[in-house]
C-alpha atoms as a PDB file:
ATOM      1  CA  GLN A   1      82.638  47.986   5.776  1.00  0.00           C
ATOM      2  CA  VAL A   2      80.892  48.332   2.446  1.00  0.00           C
ATOM      3  CA  GLN A   3      81.563  47.288  -1.107  1.00  0.00           C
ATOM      4  CA  LEU A   4      80.711  49.447  -4.082  1.00  0.00           C
ATOM      5  CA  VAL A   5      80.007  48.316  -7.620  1.00  0.00           C
ATOM      6  CA  GLU A   6      79.788  50.972 -10.302  1.00  0.00           C
ATOM      7  CA  SER A   7      78.398  50.638 -13.779  1.00  0.00           C
ATOM      8  CA  GLY A   8      77.737  52.894 -16.713  1.00  0.00           C
ATOM      9  CA  GLY A   9      80.098  55.348 -18.290  1.00  0.00           C
ATOM     10  CA  GLY A  10      81.601  55.207 -21.730  1.00  0.00           C
ATOM     11  CA  LEU A  11      82.096  57.385 -24.775  1.00  0.00           C
ATOM     12  CA  VAL A  12      79.410  59.847 -25.804  1.00  0.00           C
ATOM     13  CA  GLN A  13      79.184  62.869 -28.059  1.00  0.00           C
ATOM     14  CA  ALA A  14      78.775  66.329 -26.628  1.00  0.00           C
ATOM     15  CA  GLY A  15      75.144  66.975 -25.833  1.00  0.00           C
ATOM     16  CA  GLY A  16      74.505  63.314 -25.184  1.00  0.00           C
ATOM     17  CA  SER A  17      73.468  61.491 -22.031  1.00  0.00           C
ATOM     18  CA  LEU A  18      74.693  58.690 -19.818  1.00  0.00           C
ATOM     19  CA  ILE A  19      73.562  56.986 -16.639  1.00  0.00           C
ATOM     20  CA  LEU A  20      75.947  55.846 -13.937  1.00  0.00           C
ATOM     21  CA  SER A  21      74.876  53.532 -11.153  1.00  0.00           C
ATOM     22  CA  CYS A  22      76.447  52.560  -7.872  1.00  0.00           C
ATOM     23  CA  ALA A  23      75.325  49.600  -5.805  1.00  0.00           C
ATOM     24  CA  VAL A  24      76.442  49.383  -2.202  1.00  0.00           C
ATOM     25  CA  SER A  25      76.557  46.207  -0.138  1.00  0.00           C
ATOM     26  CA  GLY A  26      77.809  45.365   3.335  1.00  0.00           C
ATOM     27  CA  SER A  27      77.119  47.593   6.341  1.00  0.00           C
ATOM     28  CA  THR A  28      74.443  49.531   4.494  1.00  0.00           C
ATOM     29  CA  CYS A  29      72.476  50.321   7.661  1.00  0.00           C
ATOM     30  CA  SER A  30      75.310  52.697   8.612  1.00  0.00           C
ATOM     31  CA  ILE A  31      75.248  54.736   5.426  1.00  0.00           C
ATOM     32  CA  ASN A  32      75.295  58.478   6.018  1.00  0.00           C
ATOM     33  CA  ALA A  33      75.645  59.528   2.407  1.00  0.00           C
ATOM     34  CA  ILE A  34      76.468  58.157  -1.038  1.00  0.00           C
ATOM     35  CA  GLY A  35      77.863  60.295  -3.769  1.00  0.00           C
ATOM     36  CA  TRP A  36      79.748  60.687  -6.998  1.00  0.00           C
ATOM     37  CA  TYR A  37      83.061  62.432  -7.444  1.00  0.00           C
ATOM     38  CA  ARG A  38      85.128  62.873 -10.570  1.00  0.00           C
ATOM     39  CA  GLN A  39      88.701  63.473 -11.524  1.00  0.00           C
ATOM     40  CA  ALA A  40      89.707  64.847 -14.875  1.00  0.00           C
ATOM     41  CA  PRO A  41      93.256  64.438 -16.184  1.00  0.00           C
ATOM     42  CA  GLY A  42      95.596  66.806 -14.384  1.00  0.00           C
ATOM     43  CA  LYS A  43      92.859  68.072 -12.073  1.00  0.00           C
ATOM     44  CA  GLN A  44      91.842  67.460  -8.501  1.00  0.00           C
ATOM     45  CA  LEU A  45      89.063  65.195  -7.397  1.00  0.00           C
ATOM     46  CA  GLU A  46      85.822  67.135  -7.204  1.00  0.00           C
ATOM     47  CA  LEU A  47      82.370  66.491  -5.825  1.00  0.00           C
ATOM     48  CA  VAL A  48      79.665  65.924  -8.412  1.00  0.00           C
ATOM     49  CA  ALA A  49      76.615  65.075  -6.305  1.00  0.00           C
ATOM     50  CA  THR A  50      75.658  63.391  -3.064  1.00  0.00           C
ATOM     51  CA  ILE A  51      72.534  62.031  -1.431  1.00  0.00           C
ATOM     52  CA  THR A  52      72.072  61.525   2.286  1.00  0.00           C
ATOM     53  CA  SER A  53      70.336  58.655   4.001  1.00  0.00           C
ATOM     54  CA  GLY A  54      67.415  61.030   4.476  1.00  0.00           C
ATOM     55  CA  GLY A  55      67.195  61.611   0.743  1.00  0.00           C
ATOM     56  CA  SER A  56      68.629  65.121   0.562  1.00  0.00           C
ATOM     57  CA  THR A  57      70.684  65.756  -2.546  1.00  0.00           C
ATOM     58  CA  LYS A  58      73.418  68.216  -3.363  1.00  0.00           C
ATOM     59  CA  HIS A  59      74.817  68.883  -6.829  1.00  0.00           C
ATOM     60  CA  ALA A  60      77.929  70.807  -7.763  1.00  0.00           C
ATOM     61  CA  ASP A  61      77.256  74.142  -9.434  1.00  0.00           C
ATOM     62  CA  SER A  62      79.028  72.926 -12.555  1.00  0.00           C
ATOM     63  CA  VAL A  63      76.465  70.161 -13.104  1.00  0.00           C
ATOM     64  CA  LYS A  64      73.268  71.695 -11.749  1.00  0.00           C
ATOM     65  CA  GLY A  65      70.497  71.480 -14.281  1.00  0.00           C
ATOM     66  CA  ARG A  66      72.362  68.843 -16.291  1.00  0.00           C
ATOM     67  CA  PHE A  67      73.099  65.995 -13.877  1.00  0.00           C
ATOM     68  CA  THR A  68      70.568  64.407 -11.549  1.00  0.00           C
ATOM     69  CA  LEU A  69      71.329  62.102  -8.657  1.00  0.00           C
ATOM     70  CA  SER A  70      68.580  59.770  -7.527  1.00  0.00           C
ATOM     71  CA  ARG A  71      68.131  56.704  -5.414  1.00  0.00           C
ATOM     72  CA  ASP A  72      66.287  53.488  -6.100  1.00  0.00           C
ATOM     73  CA  ASN A  73      63.231  53.745  -3.869  1.00  0.00           C
ATOM     74  CA  SER A  74      63.080  50.016  -3.358  1.00  0.00           C
ATOM     75  CA  LYS A  75      66.794  49.738  -2.709  1.00  0.00           C
ATOM     76  CA  ASN A  76      68.211  52.659  -0.781  1.00  0.00           C
ATOM     77  CA  THR A  77      71.638  51.272  -1.477  1.00  0.00           C
ATOM     78  CA  VAL A  78      71.569  51.858  -5.230  1.00  0.00           C
ATOM     79  CA  ILE A  79      72.013  55.331  -6.637  1.00  0.00           C
ATOM     80  CA  TYR A  80      71.876  56.646 -10.169  1.00  0.00           C
ATOM     81  CA  LEU A  81      73.537  59.658 -11.709  1.00  0.00           C
ATOM     82  CA  ARG A  82      71.851  60.856 -14.864  1.00  0.00           C
ATOM     83  CA  LEU A  83      74.232  62.921 -16.978  1.00  0.00           C
ATOM     84  CA  ASN A  84      72.491  65.060 -19.580  1.00  0.00           C
ATOM     85  CA  SER A  85      73.775  67.721 -21.957  1.00  0.00           C
ATOM     86  CA  LEU A  86      77.274  66.397 -21.549  1.00  0.00           C
ATOM     87  CA  LYS A  87      80.172  68.691 -22.301  1.00  0.00           C
ATOM     88  CA  HIS A  88      83.754  67.912 -23.190  1.00  0.00           C
ATOM     89  CA  GLU A  89      84.788  69.234 -19.783  1.00  0.00           C
ATOM     90  CA  ASP A  90      82.720  66.505 -18.127  1.00  0.00           C
ATOM     91  CA  THR A  91      85.297  63.998 -19.314  1.00  0.00           C
ATOM     92  CA  ALA A  92      86.718  62.344 -16.209  1.00  0.00           C
ATOM     93  CA  VAL A  93      86.871  59.189 -14.166  1.00  0.00           C
ATOM     94  CA  TYR A  94      83.783  59.125 -11.993  1.00  0.00           C
ATOM     95  CA  TYR A  95      84.008  57.506  -8.558  1.00  0.00           C
ATOM     96  CA  CYS A  96      81.255  56.427  -6.217  1.00  0.00           C
ATOM     97  CA  ASN A  97      81.854  57.202  -2.552  1.00  0.00           C
ATOM     98  CA  VAL A  98      80.140  56.071   0.631  1.00  0.00           C
ATOM     99  CA  ASP A  99      80.281  57.794   3.979  1.00  0.00           C
ATOM    100  CA  LEU A 100      79.338  55.704   7.015  1.00  0.00           C
ATOM    101  CA  PHE A 101      78.222  57.018  10.375  1.00  0.00           C
ATOM    102  CA  GLY A 102      81.049  56.814  12.878  1.00  0.00           C
ATOM    103  CA  ASP A 103      83.516  55.386  10.374  1.00  0.00           C
ATOM    104  CA  PRO A 104      86.358  57.646   9.218  1.00  0.00           C
ATOM    105  CA  THR A 105      87.263  55.285   6.372  1.00  0.00           C
ATOM    106  CA  ALA A 106      86.577  56.577   2.887  1.00  0.00           C
ATOM    107  CA  TYR A 107      84.969  53.919   0.730  1.00  0.00           C
ATOM    108  CA  TRP A 108      85.407  54.272  -3.015  1.00  0.00           C
ATOM    109  CA  GLY A 109      84.388  52.391  -6.101  1.00  0.00           C
ATOM    110  CA  GLN A 110      86.844  51.389  -8.770  1.00  0.00           C
ATOM    111  CA  GLY A 111      85.918  54.324 -10.978  1.00  0.00           C
ATOM    112  CA  THR A 112      84.246  54.482 -14.358  1.00  0.00           C
ATOM    113  CA  GLN A 113      85.459  56.504 -17.315  1.00  0.00           C
ATOM    114  CA  VAL A 114      83.211  59.058 -18.957  1.00  0.00           C
ATOM    115  CA  THR A 115      84.560  60.506 -22.179  1.00  0.00           C
ATOM    116  CA  VAL A 116      82.715  63.244 -24.028  1.00  0.00           C
ATOM    117  CA  SER A 117      83.815  63.904 -27.576  1.00  0.00           C
ATOM    118  CA  SER A 118      83.419  67.423 -28.863  1.00  0.00           C
END
């Protein structure tokens, strides 16, 4: 099992920036990937970005060039999502997710609200 603690988020004007962080504790040696997902009101949960244990990243087309997912080099269990050039449509609850090798359980953070005012 793992525990996830998210931080960051808040209210920002369009064009602004935010940083979200997610710290993972517990069975961190079994981490396959850590990522961020988001859910806007009335919409489905969607992938924002993920990073594998090997350091490979993937970003959704909708955020490429604006959002950057990185990992703390000294702590492979902490990831950061830099959100630049925010748009109103980026408004959503952002959730951190951890995928463990051999564990079908989906581990989620409590979610953090990002609101972009236009």
